[in-house]
């Protein structure tokens, strides 16, 4: 991916055929995975194509058409729930892996959300993938028992999908974004139009603050 950091890892396999992009939460820190990647020739048997920090830092570790080791272990007696995965196949052969710094259940900072949207957009364009719930996936779809909380309930899947489907449009804004916009309008911004998702419907909310009128005659003009 252009314009991102690269820290190659020795934990890489052969060629793959990506069918989806799988998000993970690290249950830890980006610095740990960067350290593992740099520990050549010793190989820590874990890697991802990308890691994304809570501050929005993007690091690529594995080329997107090579295997990263992020989702190979399946749950005994609990079959995967990803329809694009061939029966008995290793998920690492079909999924791009993105590890996100943090812990399951923690809110994702906006910088991290915007960074993962940026990576997803590039991947979907580069690989020719179509955005859907079968191509934007979490680790839980291939390990529903042991990874039920990966990437967890705060994973912004809807925002990622909305951004992919909107092409070059900004990511979907939240109620908090709307509240900030209202404050800006109150403080003097003349006009804003924001798209806000409420009750699974799109709603366009426009905030207007009229420009102050001027008495041209009183100014001699």
Protein backbone atom coordinates (compact mmCIF):
# COMPACT_ATOMS: atom_id res chain seq x y z
CA UNK A 1 0.00 0.00 0.00
CA UNK A 2 1.47 3.39 -0.90
CA UNK A 3 2.30 6.01 1.73
CA UNK A 4 2.24 3.72 4.77
CA UNK A 5 5.01 2.34 6.96
CA UNK A 6 6.46 -1.07 6.14
CA UNK A 7 7.87 -3.45 8.72
CA UNK A 8 8.29 -6.83 6.97
CA UNK A 9 7.91 -10.04 8.94
CA UNK A 10 9.36 -13.51 8.44
CA UNK A 11 5.97 -14.97 9.47
CA UNK A 12 4.65 -15.17 5.93
CA UNK A 13 3.40 -17.97 3.71
CA UNK A 14 2.78 -18.56 0.04
CA UNK A 15 0.44 -16.95 -2.46
CA UNK A 16 -3.22 -16.46 -1.53
CA UNK A 17 -6.50 -15.59 -3.23
CA UNK A 18 -8.15 -12.96 -1.01
CA UNK A 19 -11.93 -13.12 -0.81
CA UNK A 20 -12.41 -10.81 2.15
CA UNK A 21 -10.78 -8.52 4.68
CA UNK A 22 -10.75 -9.79 8.26
CA UNK A 23 -10.50 -7.43 11.22
CA UNK A 24 -9.00 -8.40 14.56
CA UNK A 25 -8.49 -6.65 17.86
CA UNK A 26 -5.01 -7.32 19.23
CA UNK A 27 -5.85 -7.57 22.91
CA UNK A 28 -2.63 -5.62 23.20
CA UNK A 29 -0.39 -3.06 21.60
CA UNK A 30 0.77 -2.37 18.06
CA UNK A 31 4.35 -2.05 19.29
CA UNK A 32 4.32 -5.73 20.28
CA UNK A 33 3.46 -6.92 16.78
CA UNK A 34 5.99 -4.54 15.27
CA UNK A 35 8.64 -6.01 17.59
CA UNK A 36 7.64 -9.54 16.58
CA UNK A 37 7.92 -8.58 12.91
CA UNK A 38 11.44 -7.25 13.43
CA UNK A 39 12.68 -10.34 15.24
CA UNK A 40 14.34 -11.90 12.22
CA UNK A 41 15.36 -14.61 11.71
CA UNK A 42 13.44 -15.84 14.76
CA UNK A 43 9.81 -16.19 13.77
CA UNK A 44 6.92 -15.50 16.10
CA UNK A 45 4.15 -17.60 14.54
CA UNK A 46 1.71 -14.72 14.23
CA UNK A 47 1.40 -11.93 11.70
CA UNK A 48 -1.08 -9.73 9.89
CA UNK A 49 -1.01 -7.90 6.60
CA UNK A 50 -1.54 -4.62 8.47
CA UNK A 51 -1.52 -3.35 12.02
CA UNK A 52 -3.35 -0.15 12.92
CA UNK A 53 -2.68 1.80 16.10
CA UNK A 54 -5.21 3.67 18.18
CA UNK A 55 -3.56 6.87 16.97
CA UNK A 56 -4.20 5.89 13.34
CA UNK A 57 -0.68 4.62 12.59
CA UNK A 58 -0.78 2.16 9.68
CA UNK A 59 2.00 -0.42 9.27
CA UNK A 60 2.08 -3.06 6.53
CA UNK A 61 3.88 -6.31 7.36
CA UNK A 62 2.91 -8.75 4.58
CA UNK A 63 2.21 -8.24 0.85
CA UNK A 64 -1.52 -8.56 0.18
CA UNK A 65 -1.16 -11.57 -2.10
CA UNK A 66 0.95 -13.52 0.39
CA UNK A 67 -0.32 -15.42 3.40
CA UNK A 68 -0.22 -13.80 6.84
CA UNK A 69 -0.70 -15.94 9.97
CA UNK A 70 -3.70 -14.38 11.68
CA UNK A 71 -6.62 -16.82 11.48
CA UNK A 72 -5.40 -20.31 10.73
CA UNK A 73 -6.68 -22.02 13.88
CA UNK A 74 -10.26 -23.29 13.66
CA UNK A 75 -12.52 -24.35 16.52
CA UNK A 76 -12.83 -28.16 16.89
CA UNK A 77 -16.46 -29.15 16.46
CA UNK A 78 -17.54 -25.60 15.60
CA UNK A 79 -17.47 -25.03 11.83
CA UNK A 80 -16.61 -21.64 10.36
CA UNK A 81 -19.51 -19.36 9.46
CA UNK A 82 -17.93 -17.62 6.51
CA UNK A 83 -19.73 -18.62 3.31
CA UNK A 84 -16.76 -17.66 1.09
CA UNK A 85 -14.41 -20.09 2.82
CA UNK A 86 -14.15 -23.46 1.04
CA UNK A 87 -14.85 -26.46 3.31
CA UNK A 88 -11.77 -27.51 5.23
CA UNK A 89 -9.69 -24.59 3.96
CA UNK A 90 -7.28 -22.46 5.95
CA UNK A 91 -8.79 -18.96 6.38
CA UNK A 92 -5.33 -17.46 5.95
CA UNK A 93 -5.45 -18.51 2.30
CA UNK A 94 -8.56 -16.40 1.64
CA UNK A 95 -8.55 -13.42 4.03
CA UNK A 96 -6.47 -10.29 4.40
CA UNK A 97 -5.77 -9.76 8.11
CA UNK A 98 -5.83 -6.38 9.84
CA UNK A 99 -4.88 -6.27 13.51
CA UNK A 100 -6.15 -3.26 15.47
CA UNK A 101 -4.46 -2.07 18.64
CA UNK A 102 -6.63 -2.25 21.75
CA UNK A 103 -8.92 -4.58 23.62
CA UNK A 104 -12.31 -6.09 22.83
CA UNK A 105 -15.13 -3.81 23.96
CA UNK A 106 -13.05 -0.62 24.07
CA UNK A 107 -14.31 2.28 21.94
CA UNK A 108 -12.26 2.78 18.79
CA UNK A 109 -10.73 6.27 18.50
CA UNK A 110 -11.80 8.14 15.37
CA UNK A 111 -8.21 8.20 14.11
CA UNK A 112 -8.17 4.40 14.17
CA UNK A 113 -11.57 4.14 12.47
CA UNK A 114 -10.52 6.49 9.68
CA UNK A 115 -7.24 4.59 9.24
CA UNK A 116 -8.98 1.22 8.89
CA UNK A 117 -11.44 2.74 6.41
CA UNK A 118 -8.48 4.02 4.40
CA UNK A 119 -6.87 0.56 4.35
CA UNK A 120 -10.17 -1.14 3.47
CA UNK A 121 -10.79 1.26 0.59
CA UNK A 122 -7.37 0.62 -0.88
CA UNK A 123 -7.68 -3.14 -0.46
CA UNK A 124 -11.12 -3.33 -2.02
CA UNK A 125 -9.99 -1.27 -5.01
CA UNK A 126 -6.74 -3.19 -5.41
CA UNK A 127 -8.32 -6.64 -5.09
CA UNK A 128 -11.59 -5.91 -6.89
CA UNK A 129 -13.73 -6.95 -3.92
CA UNK A 130 -17.39 -5.98 -3.56
CA UNK A 131 -18.35 -4.54 -0.14
CA UNK A 132 -20.70 -6.81 1.79
CA UNK A 133 -21.03 -8.56 5.13
CA UNK A 134 -19.24 -11.50 3.53
CA UNK A 135 -16.20 -9.47 2.48
CA UNK A 136 -15.90 -7.18 5.51
CA UNK A 137 -15.55 -9.77 8.26
CA UNK A 138 -14.28 -10.29 11.79
CA UNK A 139 -12.26 -13.19 13.16
CA UNK A 140 -15.39 -14.56 14.82
CA UNK A 141 -16.73 -15.84 11.49
CA UNK A 142 -13.99 -18.46 11.21
CA UNK A 143 -13.60 -19.20 14.94
CA UNK A 144 -17.06 -18.53 16.40
CA UNK A 145 -16.34 -20.15 19.77
CA UNK A 146 -12.79 -19.13 20.67
CA UNK A 147 -12.85 -15.74 18.91
CA UNK A 148 -16.45 -14.68 19.57
CA UNK A 149 -15.25 -11.28 20.84
CA UNK A 150 -12.76 -10.62 18.04
CA UNK A 151 -12.91 -7.83 17.02
CA UNK A 152 -15.69 -7.27 19.55
CA UNK A 153 -18.87 -5.23 19.91
CA UNK A 154 -17.27 -1.83 19.23
CA UNK A 155 -15.87 -2.87 15.83
CA UNK A 156 -17.22 -0.16 13.44
CA UNK A 157 -18.28 -2.55 10.70
CA UNK A 158 -21.27 -0.42 9.62
CA UNK A 159 -19.07 2.64 9.18
CA UNK A 160 -16.56 0.65 7.14
CA UNK A 161 -19.25 -0.77 4.87
CA UNK A 162 -20.94 2.60 4.46
CA UNK A 163 -17.64 4.24 3.53
CA UNK A 164 -16.84 1.51 0.99
CA UNK A 165 -20.27 1.74 -0.60
CA UNK A 166 -20.05 5.53 -0.79
CA UNK A 167 -16.84 5.50 -2.79
CA UNK A 168 -14.96 8.68 -2.06
CA UNK A 169 -17.50 10.07 0.40
CA UNK A 170 -16.48 10.67 4.01
CA UNK A 171 -17.12 7.99 6.60
CA UNK A 172 -20.58 7.97 8.14
CA UNK A 173 -20.85 10.41 11.00
CA UNK A 174 -22.14 9.49 14.43
CA UNK A 175 -24.38 11.33 16.85
CA UNK A 176 -21.24 12.70 18.54
CA UNK A 177 -20.16 14.15 15.19
CA UNK A 178 -23.58 15.75 14.81
CA UNK A 179 -23.35 17.28 18.30
CA UNK A 180 -19.96 18.78 17.44
CA UNK A 181 -21.42 20.18 14.24
CA UNK A 182 -24.26 21.76 16.18
CA UNK A 183 -21.75 23.39 18.50
CA UNK A 184 -19.75 24.74 15.57
CA UNK A 185 -22.92 26.15 14.05
CA UNK A 186 -23.82 27.81 17.35
CA UNK A 187 -20.38 29.36 17.53
CA UNK A 188 -20.73 30.98 14.16
CA UNK A 189 -20.41 28.54 11.29
CA UNK A 190 -23.00 29.57 8.74
CA UNK A 191 -24.08 26.29 7.26
CA UNK A 192 -23.46 22.56 7.58
CA UNK A 193 -24.98 19.48 6.01
CA UNK A 194 -24.34 16.17 7.75
CA UNK A 195 -25.52 12.66 7.15
CA UNK A 196 -26.51 10.90 10.35
CA UNK A 197 -27.64 7.32 10.78
CA UNK A 198 -30.63 6.89 13.07
CA UNK A 199 -32.80 3.78 13.49
CA UNK A 200 -31.17 2.17 10.44
CA UNK A 201 -32.33 5.01 8.19
CA UNK A 202 -30.45 7.81 6.50
CA UNK A 203 -31.32 11.29 7.57
CA UNK A 204 -29.95 14.52 6.21
CA UNK A 205 -29.77 17.25 8.81
CA UNK A 206 -28.89 20.76 7.78
CA UNK A 207 -27.91 23.36 10.34
CA UNK A 208 -28.20 26.96 9.20
CA UNK A 209 -27.19 30.10 10.95
CA UNK A 210 -28.11 33.22 8.94
CA UNK A 211 -25.33 35.58 8.11
CA UNK A 212 -25.71 38.91 9.91
CA UNK A 213 -27.41 41.56 7.81
CA UNK A 214 -25.60 44.78 7.05
CA UNK A 215 -27.10 48.21 6.61
CA UNK A 216 -25.46 49.35 3.43
CA UNK A 217 -27.00 52.81 3.70
CA UNK A 218 -25.57 53.38 7.15
CA UNK A 219 -22.11 52.62 5.75
CA UNK A 220 -22.51 55.08 2.93
CA UNK A 221 -22.76 52.41 0.31
